[in-house]
């Protein structure tokens, strides 16, 4: 569904939430910058600091499997 939304010209930005075993969701915002370029911003402020590195690693693996080129800058 996310890929379908991003491929539709009507949607340039999609926001979704996912739960990774926490009471609070991890929020991700995907913005299409060009037909084949998307920027994904993930908010992890609600994730306990001691677990953030693990959360980022899981997100990178999942996005990599989905075909995204991942950079953890910024």
N, C-alpha and C. Protein backbone atom coordinates (compact mmCIF):
# COMPACT_ATOMS: atom_id res chain seq x y z
N UNK A 1 0.82 -1.18 0.00
CA UNK A 1 0.00 0.00 0.00
C UNK A 1 0.87 1.26 0.00
N UNK A 2 1.96 1.27 0.76
CA UNK A 2 2.85 2.41 0.79
C UNK A 2 3.44 2.66 -0.59
N UNK A 3 3.92 1.62 -1.23
CA UNK A 3 4.51 1.78 -2.57
C UNK A 3 3.47 2.28 -3.56
N UNK A 4 2.24 1.79 -3.46
CA UNK A 4 1.17 2.26 -4.35
C UNK A 4 0.88 3.74 -4.13
N UNK A 5 0.84 4.15 -2.88
CA UNK A 5 0.58 5.56 -2.57
C UNK A 5 1.68 6.45 -3.12
N UNK A 6 2.93 6.03 -2.95
CA UNK A 6 4.04 6.84 -3.43
C UNK A 6 4.12 6.91 -4.95
N UNK A 7 3.61 5.90 -5.62
CA UNK A 7 3.65 5.91 -7.08
C UNK A 7 2.52 6.73 -7.68
N UNK A 8 1.53 7.10 -6.87
CA UNK A 8 0.39 7.89 -7.33
C UNK A 8 0.77 9.37 -7.30
N UNK A 9 0.60 10.08 -8.41
CA UNK A 9 0.97 11.50 -8.49
C UNK A 9 0.21 12.38 -7.52
N UNK A 10 -0.92 11.91 -7.02
CA UNK A 10 -1.71 12.72 -6.07
C UNK A 10 -1.06 12.79 -4.69
N UNK A 11 -0.19 11.84 -4.38
CA UNK A 11 0.40 11.77 -3.04
C UNK A 11 1.90 12.01 -3.11
N UNK A 12 2.32 13.13 -2.56
CA UNK A 12 3.75 13.43 -2.52
C UNK A 12 4.34 13.16 -1.15
N UNK A 13 3.46 12.96 -0.17
CA UNK A 13 3.93 12.67 1.18
C UNK A 13 2.96 11.70 1.86
N UNK A 14 3.52 10.69 2.50
CA UNK A 14 2.74 9.68 3.20
C UNK A 14 3.32 9.55 4.60
N UNK A 15 2.44 9.49 5.59
CA UNK A 15 2.91 9.29 6.96
C UNK A 15 2.28 8.01 7.49
N UNK A 16 3.09 7.20 8.17
CA UNK A 16 2.54 5.98 8.76
C UNK A 16 3.22 5.72 10.09
N UNK A 17 2.58 4.88 10.88
CA UNK A 17 3.12 4.52 12.18
C UNK A 17 3.26 3.01 12.25
N UNK A 18 4.31 2.57 12.94
CA UNK A 18 4.49 1.14 13.14
C UNK A 18 4.90 0.90 14.59
N UNK A 19 4.52 -0.23 15.08
CA UNK A 19 4.86 -0.60 16.45
C UNK A 19 5.93 -1.68 16.40
N UNK A 20 6.93 -1.53 17.22
CA UNK A 20 8.02 -2.49 17.22
C UNK A 20 8.18 -3.06 18.62
N UNK A 21 7.08 -3.43 19.25
CA UNK A 21 7.14 -3.98 20.58
C UNK A 21 7.14 -2.92 21.67
N UNK A 22 6.82 -1.70 21.31
CA UNK A 22 6.77 -0.61 22.27
C UNK A 22 5.33 -0.15 22.44
N UNK A 23 5.07 0.55 23.54
CA UNK A 23 3.74 1.10 23.75
C UNK A 23 3.45 2.26 22.82
N UNK A 24 4.51 2.91 22.38
CA UNK A 24 4.37 4.07 21.49
C UNK A 24 4.85 3.70 20.09
N UNK A 25 4.19 4.24 19.09
CA UNK A 25 4.60 3.90 17.73
C UNK A 25 5.84 4.67 17.28
N UNK A 26 6.49 4.13 16.28
CA UNK A 26 7.55 4.83 15.56
C UNK A 26 6.87 5.45 14.35
N UNK A 27 7.00 6.75 14.18
CA UNK A 27 6.33 7.45 13.09
C UNK A 27 7.32 7.68 11.96
N UNK A 28 6.88 7.36 10.75
CA UNK A 28 7.73 7.58 9.57
C UNK A 28 6.96 8.44 8.57
N UNK A 29 7.68 9.37 7.98
CA UNK A 29 7.10 10.24 6.96
C UNK A 29 7.91 10.01 5.69
N UNK A 30 7.21 9.67 4.62
CA UNK A 30 7.85 9.40 3.34
C UNK A 30 7.43 10.50 2.37
N UNK A 31 8.42 11.18 1.83
CA UNK A 31 8.14 12.26 0.88
C UNK A 31 8.79 11.91 -0.46
N UNK A 32 8.01 11.99 -1.52
CA UNK A 32 8.54 11.72 -2.86
C UNK A 32 9.16 13.00 -3.39
N UNK A 33 10.46 12.96 -3.65
CA UNK A 33 11.19 14.13 -4.15
C UNK A 33 11.24 14.15 -5.67
N UNK A 34 11.20 12.98 -6.27
CA UNK A 34 11.22 12.81 -7.73
C UNK A 34 10.57 11.46 -8.00
N UNK A 35 10.26 11.13 -9.24
CA UNK A 35 9.58 9.86 -9.51
C UNK A 35 10.27 8.64 -8.90
N UNK A 36 11.59 8.64 -8.82
CA UNK A 36 12.27 7.47 -8.26
C UNK A 36 13.07 7.79 -7.00
N UNK A 37 12.78 8.94 -6.37
CA UNK A 37 13.52 9.35 -5.17
C UNK A 37 12.55 9.66 -4.04
N UNK A 38 12.70 8.94 -2.93
CA UNK A 38 11.89 9.19 -1.75
C UNK A 38 12.79 9.50 -0.57
N UNK A 39 12.32 10.36 0.31
CA UNK A 39 13.04 10.63 1.56
C UNK A 39 12.16 10.13 2.69
N UNK A 40 12.74 9.30 3.55
CA UNK A 40 12.01 8.75 4.69
C UNK A 40 12.60 9.35 5.95
N UNK A 41 11.75 9.98 6.75
CA UNK A 41 12.16 10.54 8.03
C UNK A 41 11.46 9.75 9.11
N UNK A 42 12.23 9.20 10.03
CA UNK A 42 11.66 8.37 11.09
C UNK A 42 11.87 9.08 12.43
N UNK A 43 10.79 9.25 13.16
CA UNK A 43 10.86 9.88 14.47
C UNK A 43 11.00 8.80 15.53
N UNK A 44 12.13 8.82 16.24
CA UNK A 44 12.37 7.80 17.26
C UNK A 44 12.49 8.41 18.66
N UNK A 45 12.07 9.64 18.82
CA UNK A 45 12.21 10.32 20.11
C UNK A 45 11.47 9.59 21.23
N UNK A 46 10.39 8.90 20.91
CA UNK A 46 9.61 8.20 21.92
C UNK A 46 10.17 6.83 22.28
N UNK A 47 11.16 6.38 21.52
CA UNK A 47 11.80 5.10 21.79
C UNK A 47 12.85 5.32 22.88
N UNK A 48 12.90 4.47 23.89
CA UNK A 48 13.92 4.63 24.92
C UNK A 48 15.31 4.74 24.30
N UNK A 49 16.10 5.68 24.79
CA UNK A 49 17.41 5.95 24.20
C UNK A 49 18.29 4.71 24.12
N UNK A 50 18.21 3.86 25.11
CA UNK A 50 19.04 2.65 25.13
C UNK A 50 18.68 1.67 24.02
N UNK A 51 17.52 1.83 23.39
CA UNK A 51 17.05 0.90 22.36
C UNK A 51 17.04 1.51 20.96
N UNK A 52 17.41 2.77 20.83
CA UNK A 52 17.32 3.45 19.54
C UNK A 52 18.23 2.85 18.48
N UNK A 53 19.44 2.48 18.86
CA UNK A 53 20.38 1.90 17.89
C UNK A 53 19.80 0.63 17.27
N UNK A 54 19.19 -0.20 18.11
CA UNK A 54 18.57 -1.44 17.62
C UNK A 54 17.39 -1.14 16.70
N UNK A 55 16.58 -0.15 17.06
CA UNK A 55 15.42 0.23 16.24
C UNK A 55 15.89 0.72 14.88
N UNK A 56 16.90 1.56 14.85
CA UNK A 56 17.42 2.06 13.58
C UNK A 56 17.96 0.91 12.73
N UNK A 57 18.66 -0.02 13.34
CA UNK A 57 19.19 -1.18 12.59
C UNK A 57 18.06 -2.00 11.97
N UNK A 58 16.99 -2.21 12.71
CA UNK A 58 15.84 -2.97 12.17
C UNK A 58 15.21 -2.21 11.02
N UNK A 59 15.00 -0.91 11.18
CA UNK A 59 14.41 -0.11 10.12
C UNK A 59 15.27 -0.13 8.86
N UNK A 60 16.58 -0.02 9.02
CA UNK A 60 17.48 -0.05 7.87
C UNK A 60 17.38 -1.40 7.15
N UNK A 61 17.34 -2.50 7.89
CA UNK A 61 17.22 -3.83 7.26
C UNK A 61 15.90 -3.96 6.50
N UNK A 62 14.82 -3.51 7.11
CA UNK A 62 13.51 -3.62 6.45
C UNK A 62 13.47 -2.78 5.19
N UNK A 63 13.93 -1.53 5.27
CA UNK A 63 13.92 -0.66 4.09
C UNK A 63 14.85 -1.18 3.01
N UNK A 64 16.00 -1.75 3.40
CA UNK A 64 16.92 -2.34 2.43
C UNK A 64 16.25 -3.48 1.69
N UNK A 65 15.53 -4.33 2.42
CA UNK A 65 14.81 -5.44 1.78
C UNK A 65 13.74 -4.95 0.82
N UNK A 66 13.21 -3.76 1.07
CA UNK A 66 12.17 -3.19 0.21
C UNK A 66 12.77 -2.45 -0.99
N UNK A 67 14.10 -2.44 -1.09
CA UNK A 67 14.74 -1.83 -2.24
C UNK A 67 15.15 -0.38 -2.06
N UNK A 68 15.06 0.15 -0.86
CA UNK A 68 15.48 1.52 -0.62
C UNK A 68 16.99 1.59 -0.41
N UNK A 69 17.62 2.62 -0.93
CA UNK A 69 19.02 2.92 -0.63
C UNK A 69 18.98 3.74 0.65
N UNK A 70 19.59 3.27 1.72
CA UNK A 70 19.42 3.86 3.03
C UNK A 70 20.67 4.63 3.46
N UNK A 71 20.42 5.84 3.96
CA UNK A 71 21.46 6.65 4.60
C UNK A 71 20.91 7.06 5.95
N UNK A 72 21.72 6.95 7.00
CA UNK A 72 21.26 7.32 8.33
C UNK A 72 21.75 8.70 8.73
N UNK A 73 22.08 9.53 7.78
CA UNK A 73 22.51 10.90 8.08
C UNK A 73 21.33 11.73 8.56
N UNK A 74 21.63 12.71 9.42
CA UNK A 74 20.61 13.65 9.86
C UNK A 74 19.71 13.04 10.85
